[in-house]
Amino acid sequence: MVDNGRHIQQPVIEAVTEFDAADLEDLCEAAEEAILDGNGFGWLSPPPRSVQENFWKGVLMVPVRELYCARFEGRIVGSGQLVKPFSNNEAGGHIAQVATFFIAPYARGYGLAIGLLAVLENSAKEQGFKILEVDVRETQLAAISLLEASGYEKWAVKKNYAWTGERYVDGYYYKKELAELGEE
């Protein structure tokens, strides 16, 4: 792809199973920008870099979590996790969840969020999950728009879901059926 005579690398969504120093730095920087933009998956302000690095390294250690990263112009600019139920959860074993889903503000508008969500859905389908769930704050309007445009159905609202540092906001719970519940 060429833009104003400059070669631009195509966006890439990839599974991440280990970090090199540059990728971990990119991911932490992207997460900090997303947190400052109000998409902090729990954080209100960016934590110290060592806390973030330990968080991301910890994600890779949990067997029921798959981390996918969006890469733009060679740098990691966002993430999403597919969180699978533990093996002892037979009753809810058909449901997976999306977590830490974000694209840094400076990389939005290139279809990365749509691509990342599609990769998460495909991974869940390939592993036999019937439902994919995600929860968001009511203030995350772009995420809500993306989910609804992608066929997710709001099934619950949780009052006082999160504190923004100034006020409580509600949380919206969405789900998408990936396969008929009667299918094996």
Protein backbone atom coordinates (compact mmCIF):
# COMPACT_ATOMS: atom_id res chain seq x y z
CA MET A 1 0.00 0.00 0.00
CA VAL A 2 1.31 3.49 -0.84
CA ASP A 3 0.10 6.74 0.71
CA ASN A 4 1.59 10.05 -0.51
CA GLY A 5 4.59 8.21 -1.93
CA ARG A 6 5.26 6.46 1.38
CA HIS A 7 5.03 2.67 1.66
CA ILE A 8 2.59 1.65 4.38
CA GLN A 9 2.52 -1.90 5.69
CA GLN A 10 -0.88 -3.59 5.69
CA PRO A 11 -2.52 -3.98 9.10
CA VAL A 12 -2.05 -7.42 10.62
CA ILE A 13 -3.93 -9.29 13.35
CA GLU A 14 -1.88 -12.06 14.92
CA ALA A 15 -1.86 -14.45 17.85
CA VAL A 16 0.87 -13.60 20.34
CA THR A 17 2.47 -16.33 22.44
CA GLU A 18 5.62 -14.47 23.47
CA PHE A 19 6.92 -10.91 23.48
CA ASP A 20 10.16 -9.43 22.35
CA ALA A 21 11.15 -6.17 24.05
CA ALA A 22 9.92 -3.96 21.18
CA ASP A 23 6.51 -5.64 20.98
CA LEU A 24 5.99 -5.41 24.74
CA GLU A 25 6.96 -1.72 24.61
CA ASP A 26 4.51 -1.13 21.72
CA LEU A 27 1.69 -2.93 23.52
CA CYS A 28 2.24 -1.00 26.74
CA GLU A 29 2.34 2.31 24.85
CA ALA A 30 -0.85 1.46 22.95
CA ALA A 31 -2.59 0.40 26.17
CA GLU A 32 -1.52 3.64 27.88
CA GLU A 33 -3.01 5.69 25.05
CA ALA A 34 -6.24 3.67 25.18
CA ILE A 35 -6.44 4.07 28.97
CA LEU A 36 -5.99 7.85 28.66
CA ASP A 37 -8.76 7.80 26.03
CA GLY A 38 -11.16 6.12 28.49
CA ASN A 39 -10.81 2.50 27.31
CA GLY A 40 -8.76 1.19 30.19
CA PHE A 41 -10.16 -2.31 30.74
CA GLY A 42 -10.24 -1.49 34.44
CA TRP A 43 -7.50 1.09 34.74
CA LEU A 44 -8.43 4.77 35.06
CA SER A 45 -4.90 5.99 34.52
CA PRO A 46 -1.88 4.18 33.12
CA PRO A 47 -0.16 2.11 35.80
CA PRO A 48 3.62 2.08 36.13
CA ARG A 49 5.24 0.39 33.14
CA SER A 50 6.45 -2.54 35.26
CA VAL A 51 2.86 -3.26 36.34
CA GLN A 52 1.69 -3.22 32.73
CA GLU A 53 4.54 -5.43 31.56
CA ASN A 54 3.75 -7.95 34.30
CA PHE A 55 0.08 -7.84 33.36
CA TRP A 56 0.74 -8.63 29.68
CA LYS A 57 3.33 -11.30 30.49
CA GLY A 58 0.82 -12.83 32.90
CA VAL A 59 -1.84 -12.99 30.17
CA LEU A 60 0.47 -15.25 28.17
CA MET A 61 0.86 -17.59 31.14
CA VAL A 62 -2.85 -18.33 31.61
CA PRO A 63 -3.83 -21.40 29.57
CA VAL A 64 -7.43 -20.28 29.03
CA ARG A 65 -6.41 -16.95 27.49
CA GLU A 66 -5.43 -16.34 23.88
CA LEU A 67 -3.91 -12.94 23.14
CA TYR A 68 -4.30 -11.39 19.71
CA CYS A 69 -2.63 -8.14 18.74
CA ALA A 70 -3.30 -5.66 15.97
CA ARG A 71 -0.18 -4.46 14.22
CA PHE A 72 -0.10 -1.29 12.11
CA GLU A 73 2.99 -0.09 10.29
CA GLY A 74 4.91 -2.85 12.04
CA ARG A 75 3.97 -1.84 15.59
CA ILE A 76 1.46 -3.39 17.99
CA VAL A 77 -1.38 -0.88 18.38
CA GLY A 78 -4.12 -2.90 20.07
CA SER A 79 -5.20 -6.18 21.54
CA GLY A 80 -8.03 -8.53 22.29
CA GLN A 81 -8.17 -11.69 24.35
CA LEU A 82 -10.28 -14.75 23.84
CA VAL A 83 -10.99 -15.99 27.35
CA LYS A 84 -12.12 -19.59 27.49
CA PRO A 85 -13.85 -21.24 30.44
CA PHE A 86 -11.81 -23.46 32.73
CA SER A 87 -12.28 -27.19 32.13
CA ASN A 88 -14.32 -27.61 35.32
CA ASN A 89 -17.00 -25.27 33.93
CA GLU A 90 -18.95 -27.86 31.98
CA ALA A 91 -22.22 -25.93 32.33
CA GLY A 92 -20.74 -22.79 30.77
CA GLY A 93 -18.22 -24.53 28.55
CA HIS A 94 -19.95 -23.30 25.41
CA ILE A 95 -19.29 -19.62 26.18
CA ALA A 96 -16.08 -17.68 25.59
CA GLN A 97 -15.46 -14.02 26.36
CA VAL A 98 -13.60 -11.12 24.83
CA ALA A 99 -11.34 -9.07 27.12
CA THR A 100 -8.76 -6.26 26.85
CA PHE A 101 -10.21 -5.33 23.48
CA PHE A 102 -8.83 -1.98 22.31
CA ILE A 103 -7.11 -0.11 19.51
CA ALA A 104 -4.91 2.87 20.41
CA PRO A 105 -6.46 6.19 19.34
CA TYR A 106 -3.65 6.92 16.89
CA ALA A 107 -4.37 3.70 14.95
CA ARG A 108 -8.16 3.91 14.69
CA GLY A 109 -9.99 4.22 11.40
CA TYR A 110 -8.07 1.49 9.54
CA GLY A 111 -10.43 -1.43 10.21
CA LEU A 112 -8.25 -2.94 12.93
CA ALA A 113 -11.03 -3.30 15.50
CA ILE A 114 -13.30 -5.03 12.97
CA GLY A 115 -10.46 -7.33 11.95
CA LEU A 116 -9.50 -8.09 15.53
CA LEU A 117 -13.08 -8.93 16.47
CA ALA A 118 -13.39 -11.21 13.43
CA VAL A 119 -10.21 -13.08 14.39
CA LEU A 120 -11.49 -13.55 17.95
CA GLU A 121 -14.83 -14.83 16.63
CA ASN A 122 -13.13 -17.23 14.20
CA SER A 123 -10.89 -18.64 16.91
CA ALA A 124 -13.90 -19.16 19.17
CA LYS A 125 -15.87 -20.86 16.38
CA GLU A 126 -12.96 -23.13 15.44
CA GLN A 127 -12.74 -24.26 19.06
CA GLY A 128 -16.45 -25.08 19.17
CA PHE A 129 -17.74 -22.22 21.31
CA LYS A 130 -21.38 -21.41 20.67
CA ILE A 131 -21.53 -17.94 22.25
CA LEU A 132 -19.07 -15.08 22.50
CA GLU A 133 -19.67 -12.46 25.19
CA VAL A 134 -18.20 -9.03 25.83
CA ASP A 135 -18.97 -6.27 28.30
CA VAL A 136 -18.30 -2.55 27.84
CA ARG A 137 -18.89 0.70 29.67
CA GLU A 138 -21.81 2.77 28.39
CA THR A 139 -19.29 5.51 27.54
CA GLN A 140 -17.45 3.34 24.98
CA LEU A 141 -19.60 4.43 22.07
CA ALA A 142 -17.27 3.25 19.29
CA ALA A 143 -17.06 -0.22 20.81
CA ILE A 144 -20.83 -0.37 21.25
CA SER A 145 -21.35 0.68 17.63
CA LEU A 146 -18.86 -1.95 16.43
CA LEU A 147 -20.47 -4.72 18.48
CA GLU A 148 -23.99 -3.88 17.36
CA ALA A 149 -22.92 -3.58 13.71
CA SER A 150 -21.21 -6.97 14.05
CA GLY A 151 -24.39 -8.72 15.17
CA TYR A 152 -23.95 -8.65 18.94
CA GLU A 153 -27.10 -8.44 21.03
CA LYS A 154 -27.27 -6.45 24.28
CA TRP A 155 -28.63 -8.85 26.88
CA ALA A 156 -28.06 -6.99 30.16
CA VAL A 157 -27.25 -3.66 31.74
CA LYS A 158 -25.36 -3.47 35.02
CA LYS A 159 -25.89 -0.27 36.99
CA ASN A 160 -22.77 1.34 38.46
CA TYR A 161 -20.57 -1.03 36.46
CA ALA A 162 -17.49 1.19 36.59
CA TRP A 163 -16.12 4.32 38.19
CA THR A 164 -14.61 6.79 35.70
CA GLY A 165 -12.81 8.84 38.31
CA GLU A 166 -15.70 11.32 38.26
CA ARG A 167 -18.90 9.27 38.20
CA TYR A 168 -20.32 5.79 37.98
CA VAL A 169 -21.33 4.50 34.57
CA ASP A 170 -23.41 1.54 33.56
CA GLY A 171 -22.06 -1.51 31.80
CA TYR A 172 -23.58 -3.21 28.79
CA TYR A 173 -23.31 -6.95 28.25
CA TYR A 174 -23.37 -8.24 24.71
CA LYS A 175 -23.40 -11.71 23.20
CA LYS A 176 -23.21 -13.20 19.77
CA GLU A 177 -24.33 -16.69 18.90
CA LEU A 178 -21.59 -18.27 16.83
CA ALA A 179 -23.48 -21.50 16.22
CA GLU A 180 -26.90 -22.93 16.93
CA LEU A 181 -27.04 -24.02 20.54
CA GLY A 182 -28.39 -27.43 19.51
CA GLU A 183 -25.43 -28.08 17.15
CA GLU A 184 -22.63 -30.34 18.24
